[in-house]
N, C-alpha and C. Protein backbone atom coordinates (compact mmCIF):
# COMPACT_ATOMS: atom_id res chain seq x y z
N MET A 1 -4.06 -17.24 -5.74
CA MET A 1 -3.73 -16.09 -4.91
C MET A 1 -3.31 -14.94 -5.83
N PHE A 2 -3.75 -13.74 -5.50
CA PHE A 2 -3.41 -12.54 -6.27
C PHE A 2 -2.61 -11.61 -5.36
N THR A 3 -1.47 -11.13 -5.87
CA THR A 3 -0.59 -10.24 -5.10
C THR A 3 -0.54 -8.87 -5.75
N HIS A 4 -0.69 -7.85 -4.91
CA HIS A 4 -0.65 -6.45 -5.34
C HIS A 4 0.46 -5.79 -4.53
N ILE A 5 1.49 -5.29 -5.24
CA ILE A 5 2.62 -4.64 -4.58
C ILE A 5 2.68 -3.19 -5.05
N VAL A 6 2.88 -2.28 -4.11
CA VAL A 6 3.00 -0.86 -4.44
C VAL A 6 4.27 -0.32 -3.81
N PHE A 7 5.02 0.45 -4.58
CA PHE A 7 6.20 1.16 -4.10
C PHE A 7 5.87 2.65 -4.09
N PHE A 8 6.20 3.32 -2.98
CA PHE A 8 5.85 4.72 -2.81
C PHE A 8 7.10 5.58 -2.64
N LYS A 9 7.11 6.74 -3.32
CA LYS A 9 8.08 7.81 -3.06
C LYS A 9 7.31 8.89 -2.32
N LEU A 10 7.82 9.27 -1.18
CA LEU A 10 7.16 10.29 -0.37
C LEU A 10 7.73 11.67 -0.65
N LYS A 11 6.89 12.68 -0.54
CA LYS A 11 7.36 14.06 -0.67
C LYS A 11 8.32 14.40 0.47
N ASN A 12 8.01 13.89 1.65
CA ASN A 12 8.82 14.13 2.84
C ASN A 12 9.13 12.78 3.49
N LYS A 13 10.35 12.35 3.39
CA LYS A 13 10.73 11.03 3.90
C LYS A 13 10.50 10.90 5.41
N LYS A 14 10.40 12.00 6.11
CA LYS A 14 10.14 11.97 7.55
C LYS A 14 8.72 11.48 7.86
N GLN A 15 7.88 11.39 6.84
CA GLN A 15 6.51 10.91 7.02
C GLN A 15 6.38 9.40 6.80
N ALA A 16 7.49 8.71 6.64
CA ALA A 16 7.45 7.28 6.35
C ALA A 16 6.71 6.49 7.43
N ALA A 17 6.95 6.78 8.69
CA ALA A 17 6.28 6.06 9.78
C ALA A 17 4.78 6.32 9.76
N ASP A 18 4.39 7.57 9.50
CA ASP A 18 2.97 7.90 9.43
C ASP A 18 2.31 7.18 8.26
N ALA A 19 2.97 7.17 7.11
CA ALA A 19 2.44 6.49 5.93
C ALA A 19 2.32 4.99 6.19
N LYS A 20 3.30 4.43 6.84
CA LYS A 20 3.26 3.00 7.18
C LYS A 20 2.06 2.70 8.07
N ASN A 21 1.82 3.53 9.07
CA ASN A 21 0.69 3.31 9.97
C ASN A 21 -0.65 3.45 9.27
N ILE A 22 -0.74 4.37 8.33
CA ILE A 22 -1.98 4.51 7.54
C ILE A 22 -2.25 3.22 6.79
N LEU A 23 -1.22 2.68 6.14
CA LEU A 23 -1.40 1.43 5.38
C LEU A 23 -1.71 0.26 6.30
N LEU A 24 -1.01 0.15 7.41
CA LEU A 24 -1.27 -0.96 8.34
C LEU A 24 -2.65 -0.89 8.97
N SER A 25 -3.26 0.29 8.97
CA SER A 25 -4.59 0.42 9.57
C SER A 25 -5.65 -0.38 8.81
N MET A 26 -5.34 -0.84 7.60
CA MET A 26 -6.30 -1.64 6.83
C MET A 26 -6.47 -3.04 7.40
N ASP A 27 -5.51 -3.49 8.18
CA ASP A 27 -5.54 -4.86 8.71
C ASP A 27 -6.83 -5.11 9.49
N GLY A 28 -7.60 -6.10 9.04
CA GLY A 28 -8.83 -6.48 9.70
C GLY A 28 -10.04 -5.63 9.33
N LYS A 29 -9.86 -4.63 8.47
CA LYS A 29 -10.96 -3.73 8.14
C LYS A 29 -11.52 -3.93 6.73
N ILE A 30 -10.81 -4.70 5.90
CA ILE A 30 -11.25 -4.94 4.53
C ILE A 30 -11.26 -6.46 4.33
N SER A 31 -12.46 -7.02 4.22
CA SER A 31 -12.59 -8.49 4.23
C SER A 31 -11.84 -9.17 3.08
N GLN A 32 -11.71 -8.52 1.94
CA GLN A 32 -11.03 -9.13 0.80
C GLN A 32 -9.52 -9.23 1.01
N LEU A 33 -8.98 -8.45 1.92
CA LEU A 33 -7.54 -8.39 2.16
C LEU A 33 -7.11 -9.59 3.00
N LYS A 34 -6.35 -10.50 2.39
CA LYS A 34 -5.93 -11.75 3.05
C LYS A 34 -4.50 -11.70 3.60
N GLY A 35 -3.73 -10.72 3.17
CA GLY A 35 -2.37 -10.56 3.66
C GLY A 35 -1.95 -9.12 3.49
N LEU A 36 -1.18 -8.60 4.46
CA LEU A 36 -0.76 -7.21 4.44
C LEU A 36 0.63 -7.09 5.04
N GLU A 37 1.54 -6.49 4.28
CA GLU A 37 2.90 -6.25 4.77
C GLU A 37 3.32 -4.87 4.28
N VAL A 38 3.91 -4.09 5.18
CA VAL A 38 4.39 -2.75 4.84
C VAL A 38 5.82 -2.62 5.32
N GLY A 39 6.70 -2.09 4.46
CA GLY A 39 8.10 -1.92 4.83
C GLY A 39 8.60 -0.54 4.48
N VAL A 40 9.44 0.00 5.35
CA VAL A 40 10.10 1.29 5.12
C VAL A 40 11.53 1.01 4.67
N ASP A 41 11.95 1.65 3.60
CA ASP A 41 13.29 1.45 3.05
C ASP A 41 14.37 1.84 4.05
N VAL A 42 15.41 1.01 4.13
CA VAL A 42 16.53 1.30 5.03
C VAL A 42 17.83 1.58 4.28
N ILE A 43 17.85 1.37 2.96
CA ILE A 43 19.06 1.55 2.16
C ILE A 43 19.21 3.00 1.69
N HIS A 44 18.10 3.61 1.23
CA HIS A 44 18.09 5.00 0.77
C HIS A 44 19.04 5.26 -0.39
N SER A 45 19.06 4.35 -1.35
CA SER A 45 19.89 4.55 -2.55
C SER A 45 19.08 5.36 -3.58
N GLU A 46 19.72 5.74 -4.66
CA GLU A 46 19.03 6.46 -5.74
C GLU A 46 17.89 5.64 -6.32
N ARG A 47 18.04 4.33 -6.33
CA ARG A 47 17.02 3.43 -6.89
C ARG A 47 15.89 3.16 -5.93
N SER A 48 16.07 3.45 -4.67
CA SER A 48 15.11 3.07 -3.63
C SER A 48 13.82 3.88 -3.69
N TYR A 49 12.76 3.20 -3.37
CA TYR A 49 11.51 3.86 -3.02
C TYR A 49 11.48 3.93 -1.50
N ASP A 50 10.62 4.76 -0.95
CA ASP A 50 10.62 5.00 0.50
C ASP A 50 9.83 3.96 1.28
N LEU A 51 8.83 3.38 0.64
CA LEU A 51 7.88 2.52 1.35
C LEU A 51 7.35 1.48 0.38
N SER A 52 7.08 0.28 0.88
CA SER A 52 6.44 -0.73 0.04
C SER A 52 5.23 -1.31 0.75
N LEU A 53 4.27 -1.70 -0.06
CA LEU A 53 3.05 -2.35 0.41
C LEU A 53 2.89 -3.65 -0.36
N ILE A 54 2.72 -4.75 0.36
CA ILE A 54 2.44 -6.03 -0.27
C ILE A 54 1.11 -6.51 0.28
N THR A 55 0.15 -6.71 -0.62
CA THR A 55 -1.17 -7.19 -0.22
C THR A 55 -1.51 -8.46 -0.98
N LYS A 56 -2.27 -9.34 -0.34
CA LYS A 56 -2.67 -10.62 -0.92
C LYS A 56 -4.18 -10.72 -0.92
N PHE A 57 -4.71 -11.29 -2.00
CA PHE A 57 -6.14 -11.48 -2.18
C PHE A 57 -6.39 -12.87 -2.78
N ASN A 58 -7.61 -13.34 -2.66
CA ASN A 58 -7.96 -14.63 -3.26
C ASN A 58 -8.04 -14.53 -4.78
N SER A 59 -8.32 -13.32 -5.31
CA SER A 59 -8.50 -13.18 -6.76
C SER A 59 -8.31 -11.72 -7.18
N LEU A 60 -8.17 -11.51 -8.47
CA LEU A 60 -8.11 -10.17 -9.03
C LEU A 60 -9.41 -9.41 -8.71
N GLU A 61 -10.53 -10.10 -8.78
CA GLU A 61 -11.81 -9.48 -8.47
C GLU A 61 -11.83 -8.95 -7.03
N ASP A 62 -11.28 -9.71 -6.09
CA ASP A 62 -11.20 -9.25 -4.70
C ASP A 62 -10.30 -8.02 -4.57
N MET A 63 -9.21 -7.99 -5.34
CA MET A 63 -8.33 -6.82 -5.30
C MET A 63 -9.06 -5.59 -5.86
N ASN A 64 -9.82 -5.79 -6.91
CA ASN A 64 -10.59 -4.68 -7.49
C ASN A 64 -11.65 -4.17 -6.52
N THR A 65 -12.26 -5.06 -5.76
CA THR A 65 -13.24 -4.65 -4.75
C THR A 65 -12.56 -3.87 -3.64
N TYR A 66 -11.42 -4.34 -3.19
CA TYR A 66 -10.62 -3.64 -2.18
C TYR A 66 -10.25 -2.23 -2.64
N ALA A 67 -9.87 -2.10 -3.92
CA ALA A 67 -9.40 -0.82 -4.44
C ALA A 67 -10.44 0.29 -4.31
N VAL A 68 -11.72 -0.07 -4.37
CA VAL A 68 -12.79 0.93 -4.29
C VAL A 68 -13.56 0.86 -2.97
N SER A 69 -13.08 0.03 -2.04
CA SER A 69 -13.78 -0.11 -0.76
C SER A 69 -13.76 1.21 0.01
N GLU A 70 -14.78 1.40 0.82
CA GLU A 70 -14.93 2.65 1.57
C GLU A 70 -13.72 2.93 2.45
N TYR A 71 -13.23 1.92 3.16
CA TYR A 71 -12.09 2.15 4.04
C TYR A 71 -10.84 2.53 3.25
N HIS A 72 -10.58 1.81 2.18
CA HIS A 72 -9.39 2.07 1.37
C HIS A 72 -9.43 3.49 0.80
N VAL A 73 -10.58 3.89 0.29
CA VAL A 73 -10.70 5.21 -0.34
C VAL A 73 -10.74 6.34 0.70
N ASN A 74 -11.57 6.18 1.74
CA ASN A 74 -11.82 7.28 2.68
C ASN A 74 -10.87 7.35 3.87
N GLU A 75 -10.21 6.25 4.19
CA GLU A 75 -9.33 6.25 5.36
C GLU A 75 -7.86 6.04 5.01
N VAL A 76 -7.60 5.51 3.83
CA VAL A 76 -6.21 5.28 3.43
C VAL A 76 -5.80 6.28 2.35
N LEU A 77 -6.42 6.20 1.19
CA LEU A 77 -6.01 7.08 0.09
C LEU A 77 -6.19 8.55 0.42
N LYS A 78 -7.23 8.89 1.12
CA LYS A 78 -7.50 10.28 1.48
C LYS A 78 -6.32 10.91 2.23
N TYR A 79 -5.69 10.14 3.11
CA TYR A 79 -4.59 10.66 3.91
C TYR A 79 -3.22 10.37 3.30
N LEU A 80 -3.13 9.28 2.55
CA LEU A 80 -1.84 8.89 1.98
C LEU A 80 -1.49 9.69 0.72
N LYS A 81 -2.45 9.90 -0.16
CA LYS A 81 -2.16 10.56 -1.45
C LYS A 81 -1.46 11.91 -1.30
N PRO A 82 -1.86 12.77 -0.35
CA PRO A 82 -1.15 14.05 -0.23
C PRO A 82 0.32 13.90 0.17
N MET A 83 0.71 12.77 0.71
CA MET A 83 2.09 12.52 1.12
C MET A 83 2.97 12.05 -0.04
N LEU A 84 2.35 11.65 -1.14
CA LEU A 84 3.07 10.95 -2.20
C LEU A 84 3.63 11.85 -3.29
N GLU A 85 4.86 11.55 -3.65
CA GLU A 85 5.46 12.12 -4.86
C GLU A 85 5.08 11.25 -6.05
N SER A 86 5.16 9.91 -5.86
CA SER A 86 4.82 8.97 -6.92
C SER A 86 4.63 7.58 -6.33
N SER A 87 4.09 6.70 -7.17
CA SER A 87 3.96 5.29 -6.79
C SER A 87 4.02 4.43 -8.04
N LYS A 88 4.40 3.17 -7.85
CA LYS A 88 4.47 2.17 -8.92
C LYS A 88 3.89 0.87 -8.39
N THR A 89 3.32 0.08 -9.27
CA THR A 89 2.72 -1.18 -8.83
C THR A 89 3.23 -2.37 -9.64
N VAL A 90 3.10 -3.53 -9.02
CA VAL A 90 3.29 -4.82 -9.67
C VAL A 90 2.15 -5.70 -9.18
N ASP A 91 1.45 -6.34 -10.09
CA ASP A 91 0.32 -7.22 -9.75
C ASP A 91 0.50 -8.55 -10.46
N TYR A 92 0.29 -9.63 -9.72
CA TYR A 92 0.45 -10.94 -10.36
C TYR A 92 -0.36 -12.02 -9.65
N GLU A 93 -0.62 -13.08 -10.39
CA GLU A 93 -1.30 -14.26 -9.84
C GLU A 93 -0.28 -15.34 -9.60
N SER A 94 -0.48 -16.11 -8.54
CA SER A 94 0.43 -17.23 -8.26
C SER A 94 -0.36 -18.45 -7.89
């Protein structure tokens, strides 16, 4: 199993629900995506990011295919990227 985690800082924290819905819209639309979880931060500390994405794949190759898939690029990144101040990732195999 391959896990891809992304932490997002939003330009406008009031867009957290919209950003969450954009990410959740991938559910059932990208065959390589085997698990999807999105969370909005509730602590709001200096260390906090605003939003997290946890995705699961069968392999690194499947994650790479997802990263360039039409839905991910044209329906998720197209709308999400303008909302972002920054993002960080963690990727690992288990």
